[in-house]
């Protein structure tokens, strides 16, 4: 059919529309058609981009979230692996691995493997269970806790609980870089510092610096040809891999003894001198800065309140022993001190057993003391100057002095009980009379530790005898304190004074 024939078949209306197509109208129609094509192309490109983004996200979820979780649960389910775990986590861990197996074999398996859904979306209840297992396993199997938190953080990178557990597990495992990174990540997600993480992070950074310095000097000594090659290589290996703090401190102590036993000619070498210096520095800090009290140990500490203290001291003969070793040197008062029912000491024990006795029933120690926390005692009274109306946090959200000392200074196994926080300043709460000047003001300087204990015992009024051994009142107490003490003091002999 020719074009003429086709035109003859057009209706009059169609012919009228064609006659309206002026060059301008045709140009406008062409532009409109081009705009529609561009819009369609843009929509198609956007849809393609969204689809590509969705697929990339699915791949990321599949590879970085779901696959590590599924692989980890397969490892945990292996009989040998499960048998090596602490008994307390085997049951919960078995439940978790069974839930993961059901997920792999269930209706959501395709969505999980492809990354269309994350395992957290499919099994949200497992998150809390995994955190509980991580916390339970942390003391005996910190590496399991690290594995669990790695899986959790892959799915929920902003989980403060997971970062907290990871930091503590890293500390238990001796993995300082992991612990420091996790502590910092936790701080980045919190506005305050209720748990004292900043101080702990600072201590870990200082410890890691000492570790790196010790690695450097040991490596230099090995290259120079030391006579203690094998022992130094052993400690160097421990320093270069995650090693629990107690194990590492013990190995360093053994190496220090071996270095000190070297012949003087060999010990005088510069490399051995450097090793000796850094080993001694490590040992000093290990003593002054003991490992933090484990949370499960802290929970088992008994906290004595005022009435508990009254019952424990009722009818007892109590003596307060001076912390000045020179006062009792050569006195032979050790047997006399040990004959008392309750022996109270202040800070670290400096007296020899023959002169100052062997027992410590109550240790009174300042929250900021650098030494003395290793002393074995039945009861520890921690003194601090936290305000009376303060809770566990200061204005910056950090724990107060008393709470920080409990968390970071107490040494496991060195005290079955501590005195409650309310007695951290006996002269302010609850002993002080309304008419008595406030300690730390212009009217009254801060009271001595011994005076605060004496006032506390006076308040309890249940001790049969309270004696001071090795004290020189005029030198050991302030003028204001002597105004209260002087009428109550009774000189028993050259070494003991009764407080009546």
Protein backbone atom coordinates (compact mmCIF):
# COMPACT_ATOMS: atom_id res chain seq x y z
CA UNK A 1 0.00 0.00 0.00
CA UNK A 2 1.38 3.37 -1.05
CA UNK A 3 1.61 6.42 1.14
CA UNK A 4 -1.19 8.02 -0.88
CA UNK A 5 -3.45 5.08 -0.13
CA UNK A 6 -2.65 5.36 3.61
CA UNK A 7 -3.43 9.07 3.64
CA UNK A 8 -6.77 8.38 1.93
CA UNK A 9 -7.72 6.13 4.83
CA UNK A 10 -7.15 8.82 7.52
CA UNK A 11 -10.23 10.28 9.12
CA UNK A 12 -10.98 13.93 8.74
CA UNK A 13 -10.16 14.43 12.43
CA UNK A 14 -6.75 12.83 12.03
CA UNK A 15 -6.11 14.97 8.99
CA UNK A 16 -7.06 18.07 11.00
CA UNK A 17 -4.58 17.13 13.76
CA UNK A 18 -1.82 16.61 11.22
CA UNK A 19 -2.46 20.05 9.74
CA UNK A 20 -1.90 21.53 13.25
CA UNK A 21 1.66 20.13 13.43
CA UNK A 22 3.59 23.24 12.81
CA UNK A 23 7.38 23.11 12.96
CA UNK A 24 7.25 24.60 16.47
CA UNK A 25 4.75 22.01 17.70
CA UNK A 26 6.84 19.25 16.22
CA UNK A 27 9.93 20.56 18.01
CA UNK A 28 8.09 20.75 21.33
CA UNK A 29 6.78 17.22 20.91
CA UNK A 30 10.27 16.02 20.15
CA UNK A 31 11.65 17.70 23.31
CA UNK A 32 8.85 16.23 25.40
CA UNK A 33 9.57 12.78 24.05
CA UNK A 34 13.27 13.20 24.85
CA UNK A 35 12.48 14.31 28.39
CA UNK A 36 10.30 11.28 28.91
CA UNK A 37 13.04 9.02 27.63
CA UNK A 38 15.61 10.65 29.96
CA UNK A 39 13.24 10.32 32.93
CA UNK A 40 12.70 6.66 32.11
CA UNK A 41 16.42 6.11 31.80
CA UNK A 42 17.08 7.87 35.13
CA UNK A 43 14.39 5.81 36.84
CA UNK A 44 15.88 2.65 35.39
CA UNK A 45 19.38 3.67 36.50
CA UNK A 46 18.15 4.49 40.00
CA UNK A 47 16.36 1.17 40.21
CA UNK A 48 19.48 -0.60 39.01
CA UNK A 49 21.60 1.29 41.60
CA UNK A 50 19.16 0.41 44.38
CA UNK A 51 19.20 -3.20 43.28
CA UNK A 52 23.00 -3.22 43.17
CA UNK A 53 23.14 -1.61 46.63
CA UNK A 54 20.68 -4.16 47.96
CA UNK A 55 22.65 -7.02 46.51
CA UNK A 56 25.93 -5.57 47.85
CA UNK A 57 24.34 -5.22 51.29
CA UNK A 58 23.12 -8.80 51.09
CA UNK A 59 26.61 -9.98 50.19
CA UNK A 60 28.07 -7.96 53.05
CA UNK A 61 25.55 -9.38 55.53
CA UNK A 62 26.16 -12.89 54.22
CA UNK A 63 29.96 -12.61 54.37
CA UNK A 64 30.58 -10.44 57.45
CA UNK A 65 27.57 -11.19 59.67
CA UNK A 66 25.93 -14.52 58.89
CA UNK A 67 28.90 -16.59 57.71
CA UNK A 68 31.07 -15.86 60.84
CA UNK A 69 28.09 -16.69 63.08
CA UNK A 70 27.32 -19.96 61.31
CA UNK A 71 30.97 -20.99 61.19
CA UNK A 72 31.47 -20.16 64.87
CA UNK A 73 28.42 -22.16 65.96
CA UNK A 74 29.68 -25.14 63.95
CA UNK A 75 33.03 -24.93 65.79
CA UNK A 76 31.35 -24.57 69.16
CA UNK A 77 29.18 -27.62 68.48
CA UNK A 78 32.15 -29.93 67.85
CA UNK A 79 32.36 -32.49 70.70
CA UNK A 80 36.04 -31.84 71.41
CA UNK A 81 35.52 -28.09 71.43
CA UNK A 82 32.47 -28.31 73.68
CA UNK A 83 34.21 -30.66 76.12
CA UNK A 84 37.06 -28.15 76.52
CA UNK A 85 34.68 -25.38 77.59
CA UNK A 86 33.88 -24.57 81.23
CA UNK A 87 30.99 -26.69 82.51
CA UNK A 88 28.96 -23.58 83.27
CA UNK A 89 28.70 -22.65 79.57
CA UNK A 90 28.29 -26.05 77.92
CA UNK A 91 24.52 -26.18 78.35
CA UNK A 92 23.78 -22.63 77.09
CA UNK A 93 26.30 -23.04 74.29
CA UNK A 94 24.62 -26.27 73.17
CA UNK A 95 21.25 -24.49 73.03
CA UNK A 96 22.76 -21.74 70.89
CA UNK A 97 24.40 -24.15 68.45
CA UNK A 98 21.17 -26.12 68.09
CA UNK A 99 19.24 -22.95 67.32
CA UNK A 100 21.85 -22.05 64.70
CA UNK A 101 21.61 -25.53 63.17
CA UNK A 102 17.83 -25.24 62.96
CA UNK A 103 18.27 -21.88 61.25
CA UNK A 104 20.59 -23.39 58.63
CA UNK A 105 18.11 -26.15 57.88
CA UNK A 106 14.85 -24.18 58.18
CA UNK A 107 12.74 -22.11 55.82
CA UNK A 108 14.97 -19.06 56.30
CA UNK A 109 18.14 -20.88 55.28
CA UNK A 110 18.22 -19.40 51.77
CA UNK A 111 17.62 -15.89 53.09
CA UNK A 112 20.36 -16.36 55.71
CA UNK A 113 22.92 -17.80 53.29
CA UNK A 114 22.21 -15.10 50.68
CA UNK A 115 22.27 -12.34 53.27
CA UNK A 116 18.70 -11.26 52.64
CA UNK A 117 18.18 -11.56 56.41
CA UNK A 118 20.73 -11.44 59.22
CA UNK A 119 20.84 -14.10 61.89
CA UNK A 120 20.02 -11.38 64.46
CA UNK A 121 16.73 -10.68 62.68
CA UNK A 122 15.91 -14.38 62.52
CA UNK A 123 17.01 -15.22 66.10
CA UNK A 124 16.97 -12.01 68.19
CA UNK A 125 16.78 -13.96 71.47
CA UNK A 126 20.24 -15.42 70.86
CA UNK A 127 21.92 -12.03 71.35
CA UNK A 128 21.20 -11.97 75.07
CA UNK A 129 22.10 -15.64 75.45
CA UNK A 130 25.43 -15.10 73.72
CA UNK A 131 26.22 -12.15 75.99
CA UNK A 132 25.44 -14.28 79.04
CA UNK A 133 27.76 -17.03 77.82
CA UNK A 134 30.49 -14.47 77.09
CA UNK A 135 30.24 -13.09 80.62
CA UNK A 136 30.17 -16.54 82.24
CA UNK A 137 33.12 -17.83 80.22
CA UNK A 138 35.27 -14.71 80.57
CA UNK A 139 37.22 -15.80 83.65
CA UNK A 140 38.08 -19.36 82.58
CA UNK A 141 37.76 -19.18 78.79
CA UNK A 142 38.33 -15.57 77.69
CA UNK A 143 39.05 -16.64 74.12
CA UNK A 144 35.48 -17.94 73.81
CA UNK A 145 34.24 -14.56 75.06
CA UNK A 146 36.37 -12.85 72.42
CA UNK A 147 34.92 -15.09 69.70
CA UNK A 148 31.36 -14.43 70.85
CA UNK A 149 31.79 -10.66 71.04
CA UNK A 150 33.42 -10.62 67.61
CA UNK A 151 30.33 -12.35 66.19
CA UNK A 152 27.98 -10.00 68.04
CA UNK A 153 29.82 -6.83 67.03
CA UNK A 154 29.82 -7.88 63.37
CA UNK A 155 26.03 -7.81 63.58
CA UNK A 156 25.66 -4.92 66.04
CA UNK A 157 28.74 -2.66 65.97
CA UNK A 158 27.11 -0.14 68.34
CA UNK A 159 26.43 -2.66 71.12
CA UNK A 160 27.91 -1.22 74.31
CA UNK A 161 27.39 -4.49 76.19
CA UNK A 162 29.38 -6.39 73.54
CA UNK A 163 32.25 -3.89 73.61
CA UNK A 164 32.30 -4.03 77.42
CA UNK A 165 32.46 -7.83 77.45
CA UNK A 166 35.13 -7.79 74.75
CA UNK A 167 37.29 -5.35 76.72
CA UNK A 168 37.12 -7.45 79.89
CA UNK A 169 37.77 -10.66 77.97
CA UNK A 170 40.79 -9.04 76.33
CA UNK A 171 42.14 -8.14 79.78
CA UNK A 172 41.68 -11.71 81.04
CA UNK A 173 43.37 -13.12 77.96
CA UNK A 174 46.25 -10.66 78.24
CA UNK A 175 45.41 -9.21 74.82
CA UNK A 176 46.15 -5.57 75.61
CA UNK A 177 45.56 -4.09 72.10
CA UNK A 178 42.14 -5.76 71.89
CA UNK A 179 41.22 -4.68 75.41
CA UNK A 180 42.28 -1.06 74.82
CA UNK A 181 40.44 -0.85 71.50
CA UNK A 182 37.28 -2.29 73.04
CA UNK A 183 37.43 0.04 76.06
CA UNK A 184 37.82 3.05 73.75
CA UNK A 185 34.94 1.87 71.55
CA UNK A 186 32.79 1.54 74.68
CA UNK A 187 33.69 5.07 75.79
CA UNK A 188 32.83 6.42 72.33
CA UNK A 189 29.31 5.04 72.74
CA UNK A 190 28.69 6.39 76.26
CA UNK A 191 28.23 9.88 77.65
CA UNK A 192 29.58 9.16 81.16
CA UNK A 193 32.12 6.85 82.74
CA UNK A 194 30.21 5.10 85.49
CA UNK A 195 32.47 2.04 85.36
CA UNK A 196 35.80 3.88 85.56
CA UNK A 197 36.82 2.83 82.04
CA UNK A 198 39.02 5.90 81.44
CA UNK A 199 41.27 5.05 84.37
CA UNK A 200 41.44 1.43 83.33
CA UNK A 201 42.27 2.39 79.75
CA UNK A 202 45.05 4.66 80.97
CA UNK A 203 46.49 1.87 83.12
CA UNK A 204 46.40 -0.56 80.20
CA UNK A 205 48.16 1.93 77.94
CA UNK A 206 50.91 2.36 80.53
CA UNK A 207 51.24 -1.40 80.92
CA UNK A 208 51.45 -1.87 77.15
CA UNK A 209 54.17 0.79 77.01
CA UNK A 210 56.17 -1.13 79.64
CA UNK A 211 55.62 -4.31 77.64
CA UNK A 212 57.00 -2.76 74.45
CA UNK A 213 60.02 -1.34 76.29
CA UNK A 214 60.78 -4.72 77.86
CA UNK A 215 60.45 -6.40 74.45
CA UNK A 216 63.00 -3.95 73.04
CA UNK A 217 65.66 -4.53 75.74
CA UNK A 218 65.20 -8.31 75.74
CA UNK A 219 65.59 -8.38 71.96
CA UNK A 220 68.75 -6.27 72.23
CA UNK A 221 70.18 -8.57 74.92
CA UNK A 222 69.49 -11.65 72.78
CA UNK A 223 71.19 -10.09 69.78
CA UNK A 224 74.21 -9.18 71.94
CA UNK A 225 74.57 -12.77 73.15
CA UNK A 226 73.21 -13.02 76.69
CA UNK A 227 73.95 -15.94 78.99
CA UNK A 228 70.23 -16.33 79.71
CA UNK A 229 69.13 -16.95 76.15
CA UNK A 230 66.40 -19.53 76.78
CA UNK A 231 64.75 -17.75 79.77
CA UNK A 232 64.75 -14.44 77.89
CA UNK A 233 63.32 -16.06 74.77
CA UNK A 234 60.56 -17.58 76.91
CA UNK A 235 59.56 -14.22 78.40
CA UNK A 236 59.92 -12.50 75.03
CA UNK A 237 57.52 -15.01 73.53
CA UNK A 238 54.99 -14.36 76.28
CA UNK A 239 55.31 -10.60 75.78
CA UNK A 240 54.75 -10.89 72.03
CA UNK A 241 51.52 -12.86 72.27
CA UNK A 242 48.38 -12.49 74.41
CA UNK A 243 49.31 -13.84 77.84
CA UNK A 244 47.23 -13.62 81.05
CA UNK A 245 48.65 -11.06 83.41
CA UNK A 246 49.28 -13.44 86.29
CA UNK A 247 51.23 -15.84 84.07
CA UNK A 248 53.29 -13.04 82.55
CA UNK A 249 54.06 -11.40 85.91
CA UNK A 250 55.21 -14.75 87.30
CA UNK A 251 57.51 -15.36 84.31
CA UNK A 252 59.00 -11.88 84.63
CA UNK A 253 59.63 -12.45 88.35
CA UNK A 254 61.48 -15.71 87.61
CA UNK A 255 63.62 -14.05 84.93
CA UNK A 256 64.43 -11.18 87.30
CA UNK A 257 65.74 -13.66 89.89
CA UNK A 258 67.85 -15.33 87.19
CA UNK A 259 69.32 -12.01 86.05
CA UNK A 260 70.17 -11.06 89.64
CA UNK A 261 71.98 -14.38 90.01
CA UNK A 262 74.33 -13.63 87.08
CA UNK A 263 78.04 -13.12 87.82
CA UNK A 264 78.87 -9.47 88.46
CA UNK A 265 81.05 -9.24 85.36
CA UNK A 266 78.18 -10.36 83.14
CA UNK A 267 75.58 -8.32 85.01
CA UNK A 268 77.69 -5.19 84.46
CA UNK A 269 77.18 -5.37 80.68
CA UNK A 270 74.98 -2.51 79.36
CA UNK A 271 72.44 -4.84 77.80
CA UNK A 272 72.03 -6.83 81.03
CA UNK A 273 71.76 -3.56 82.98
CA UNK A 274 68.92 -2.45 80.69
CA UNK A 275 67.18 -5.79 81.12
CA UNK A 276 67.59 -5.61 84.91
CA UNK A 277 66.19 -2.08 85.00
CA UNK A 278 63.08 -2.89 82.97
CA UNK A 279 62.44 -6.20 84.73
CA UNK A 280 62.66 -4.43 88.10
CA UNK A 281 60.33 -1.72 86.83
CA UNK A 282 57.85 -4.33 85.66
CA UNK A 283 58.00 -6.14 88.99
CA UNK A 284 57.55 -2.89 90.92
CA UNK A 285 54.42 -1.99 88.99
CA UNK A 286 53.09 -5.54 89.34
CA UNK A 287 53.30 -5.07 93.10
CA UNK A 288 52.04 -1.48 93.28
CA UNK A 289 49.30 -1.94 90.67
CA UNK A 290 47.78 -5.40 91.23
CA UNK A 291 45.39 -6.96 88.75
CA UNK A 292 41.81 -5.65 89.06
CA UNK A 293 39.41 -7.60 91.23
CA UNK A 294 37.34 -9.97 89.12
CA UNK A 295 33.65 -9.07 89.03
CA UNK A 296 32.58 -12.49 90.35
CA UNK A 297 35.02 -12.07 93.26
CA UNK A 298 33.74 -8.55 93.93
CA UNK A 299 30.17 -9.86 94.11
CA UNK A 300 31.24 -12.39 96.79
CA UNK A 301 32.79 -9.73 99.03
CA UNK A 302 30.89 -9.24 102.24
CA UNK A 303 30.15 -5.59 103.01
CA UNK A 304 29.91 -4.82 106.73
CA UNK A 305 27.60 -2.07 107.87
CA UNK A 306 27.80 -0.20 111.16
CA UNK A 307 25.75 -2.75 113.10
CA UNK A 308 27.72 -5.63 111.55
CA UNK A 309 30.91 -3.95 112.71
CA UNK A 310 29.48 -3.51 116.20
CA UNK A 311 28.64 -7.20 116.45
CA UNK A 312 32.04 -8.28 115.13
CA UNK A 313 33.97 -6.11 117.63
CA UNK A 314 31.73 -6.65 120.67
CA UNK A 315 33.72 -7.71 123.74
CA UNK A 316 37.05 -7.78 121.88
CA UNK A 317 40.41 -6.43 122.93
CA UNK A 318 41.57 -4.15 120.11
CA UNK A 319 44.97 -2.66 119.40
CA UNK A 320 45.99 -0.10 116.78
CA UNK A 321 49.57 -0.65 115.61
CA UNK A 322 51.70 2.22 114.31
CA UNK A 323 52.87 2.08 110.70
CA UNK A 324 56.22 3.63 111.70
CA UNK A 325 58.58 0.64 111.83
CA UNK A 326 61.26 2.62 113.69
CA UNK A 327 58.99 3.05 116.71
CA UNK A 328 58.86 -0.68 117.42
CA UNK A 329 62.24 -1.73 116.00
CA UNK A 330 63.88 -4.09 118.45
CA UNK A 331 61.01 -3.83 120.92
CA UNK A 332 59.94 -7.47 120.74
CA UNK A 333 56.27 -6.51 120.97
CA UNK A 334 55.14 -9.00 118.29
CA UNK A 335 53.75 -11.63 120.70
CA UNK A 336 51.95 -8.93 122.67
CA UNK A 337 50.29 -7.55 119.53
CA UNK A 338 49.20 -11.00 118.36
CA UNK A 339 47.63 -11.64 121.78
CA UNK A 340 44.92 -9.03 121.12
CA UNK A 341 41.59 -10.19 119.69
CA UNK A 342 41.64 -7.63 116.88
CA UNK A 343 44.78 -6.06 115.37
CA UNK A 344 44.23 -2.87 113.35
CA UNK A 345 46.98 -1.68 110.99
CA UNK A 346 47.31 1.31 108.66
CA UNK A 347 48.49 0.90 105.07
CA UNK A 348 51.26 -1.59 104.30
CA UNK A 349 52.81 -3.63 107.11
CA UNK A 350 56.29 -2.25 107.80
CA UNK A 351 57.00 -3.79 111.22
CA UNK A 352 58.87 -7.08 111.54
CA UNK A 353 56.84 -10.00 112.97
CA UNK A 354 59.02 -10.03 116.10
CA UNK A 355 58.32 -6.35 116.80
CA UNK A 356 54.88 -5.70 115.30
CA UNK A 357 53.18 -9.10 115.24
CA UNK A 358 51.98 -11.21 112.34
CA UNK A 359 48.22 -10.70 112.20
CA UNK A 360 46.16 -8.04 110.48
CA UNK A 361 42.48 -8.30 111.32
CA UNK A 362 41.48 -4.85 110.11
CA UNK A 363 43.49 -2.83 107.61
CA UNK A 364 42.75 0.88 107.29
CA UNK A 365 43.95 2.20 103.96
CA UNK A 366 43.52 5.37 101.93
CA UNK A 367 41.84 5.02 98.54
CA UNK A 368 44.89 6.51 96.78
CA UNK A 369 47.52 4.38 98.59
CA UNK A 370 50.09 2.89 96.23
CA UNK A 371 51.09 0.04 98.52
CA UNK A 372 49.40 -2.18 101.07
CA UNK A 373 46.59 -3.68 98.98
CA UNK A 374 48.34 -7.07 98.99
CA UNK A 375 48.17 -7.29 102.78
CA UNK A 376 46.11 -10.27 103.95
CA UNK A 377 43.38 -9.05 106.30
CA UNK A 378 40.01 -10.18 107.58
CA UNK A 379 38.44 -6.76 106.99
CA UNK A 380 39.49 -3.72 104.96
CA UNK A 381 38.34 -0.17 105.73
CA UNK A 382 38.91 2.12 102.75
CA UNK A 383 39.05 5.84 103.56
CA UNK A 384 38.19 8.46 100.95
CA UNK A 385 36.99 12.06 100.81
CA UNK A 386 33.95 11.62 98.55
CA UNK A 387 31.24 14.17 99.44
CA UNK A 388 28.50 12.98 101.79
CA UNK A 389 25.76 13.63 99.22
CA UNK A 390 27.61 12.05 96.29
CA UNK A 391 26.41 8.93 94.56
CA UNK A 392 28.78 6.56 92.78
CA UNK A 393 29.65 9.16 90.09
CA UNK A 394 31.34 12.53 90.08
CA UNK A 395 30.33 15.48 87.91
CA UNK A 396 32.16 14.02 84.91
CA UNK A 397 30.35 10.72 85.25
CA UNK A 398 33.39 8.92 86.70
CA UNK A 399 33.21 6.71 89.79
CA UNK A 400 34.06 8.31 93.12
CA UNK A 401 37.32 7.62 94.93
CA UNK A 402 35.92 4.89 97.18
CA UNK A 403 34.20 2.97 94.38
CA UNK A 404 37.20 3.33 92.06
CA UNK A 405 39.46 1.87 94.78
CA UNK A 406 37.13 -1.10 95.31
CA UNK A 407 37.09 -1.84 91.59
CA UNK A 408 40.71 -1.29 90.71
CA UNK A 409 42.80 -1.69 93.89
CA UNK A 410 41.42 -4.66 95.83
CA UNK A 411 43.44 -7.82 95.28
CA UNK A 412 41.51 -11.11 94.94
CA UNK A 413 41.71 -13.35 97.97
CA UNK A 414 43.27 -10.72 100.24
CA UNK A 415 40.08 -9.75 102.11
CA UNK A 416 36.81 -11.60 102.62
CA UNK A 417 35.01 -8.42 103.67
CA UNK A 418 35.15 -4.64 103.41
CA UNK A 419 33.51 -1.88 105.43
CA UNK A 420 30.59 -0.16 103.72
CA UNK A 421 31.00 3.04 101.73
CA UNK A 422 29.11 5.11 104.33
CA UNK A 423 32.07 4.68 106.71
CA UNK A 424 34.67 5.90 104.20
CA UNK A 425 34.98 9.02 106.38
CA UNK A 426 34.04 8.00 109.93
CA UNK A 427 34.48 11.55 111.26
CA UNK A 428 31.88 12.87 108.82
CA UNK A 429 29.44 10.01 108.68
CA UNK A 430 28.20 8.89 111.13
CA UNK A 431 30.51 9.90 114.02
CA UNK A 432 30.75 13.69 113.88
CA UNK A 433 28.69 15.74 116.32
CA UNK A 434 26.81 18.75 114.99
CA UNK A 435 29.03 21.02 117.07
CA UNK A 436 32.29 19.50 115.85
CA UNK A 437 34.17 21.44 113.14
CA UNK A 438 34.09 19.89 109.70
CA UNK A 439 37.33 18.22 108.62
CA UNK A 440 39.09 19.80 105.69
CA UNK A 441 37.91 23.34 106.49
CA UNK A 442 39.75 26.32 107.96
CA UNK A 443 38.35 25.44 111.40
CA UNK A 444 39.54 21.83 111.31
CA UNK A 445 42.22 20.16 109.15
CA UNK A 446 41.70 16.65 107.79
CA UNK A 447 41.83 14.12 110.63
CA UNK A 448 44.47 11.44 110.85
CA UNK A 449 43.45 7.89 109.97
CA UNK A 450 44.12 6.59 113.49
CA UNK A 451 41.97 9.32 115.03
CA UNK A 452 39.06 8.50 112.73
CA UNK A 453 39.27 4.84 113.73
CA UNK A 454 39.39 5.74 117.43
CA UNK A 455 36.29 7.90 117.09
CA UNK A 456 34.52 5.11 115.26
CA UNK A 457 35.39 2.65 118.02
CA UNK A 458 34.22 5.18 120.59
CA UNK A 459 30.90 5.44 118.78
CA UNK A 460 30.47 1.66 118.71
CA UNK A 461 31.33 1.47 122.43
CA UNK A 462 31.51 -2.33 122.45
CA UNK A 463 35.26 -3.05 122.72
CA UNK A 464 36.57 -4.31 126.04
CA UNK A 465 39.99 -2.71 125.47
CA UNK A 466 41.36 -0.25 122.89
CA UNK A 467 45.14 0.25 123.00
CA UNK A 468 47.66 2.12 120.86
CA UNK A 469 50.93 0.26 120.23
CA UNK A 470 53.96 2.23 119.05
CA UNK A 471 52.14 5.58 118.90
CA UNK A 472 53.49 8.94 120.09
CA UNK A 473 50.26 10.91 120.49
CA UNK A 474 51.83 14.38 120.55
CA UNK A 475 53.43 13.66 117.16
CA UNK A 476 50.82 11.39 115.58
CA UNK A 477 47.68 13.44 116.25
CA UNK A 478 46.79 17.07 115.59
CA UNK A 479 46.27 19.63 118.34
CA UNK A 480 42.49 19.49 117.87
CA UNK A 481 42.52 15.70 118.02
CA UNK A 482 44.58 15.74 121.21
CA UNK A 483 41.95 17.94 122.84
CA UNK A 484 39.56 14.98 122.57
CA UNK A 485 42.18 12.27 123.17
CA UNK A 486 44.22 13.64 126.09
CA UNK A 487 41.67 12.97 128.86
CA UNK A 488 41.16 9.43 127.54
CA UNK A 489 44.81 8.33 127.21
CA UNK A 490 46.49 6.12 129.79
CA UNK A 491 50.19 5.29 129.46
CA UNK A 492 50.54 1.55 130.00
CA UNK A 493 54.29 1.21 129.37
CA UNK A 494 56.95 2.43 126.96
CA UNK A 495 55.20 0.96 123.94
CA UNK A 496 51.46 0.90 124.68
CA UNK A 497 48.86 3.53 125.52
CA UNK A 498 45.30 2.72 126.58
CA UNK A 499 42.35 4.69 125.25
CA UNK A 500 39.59 4.78 127.85
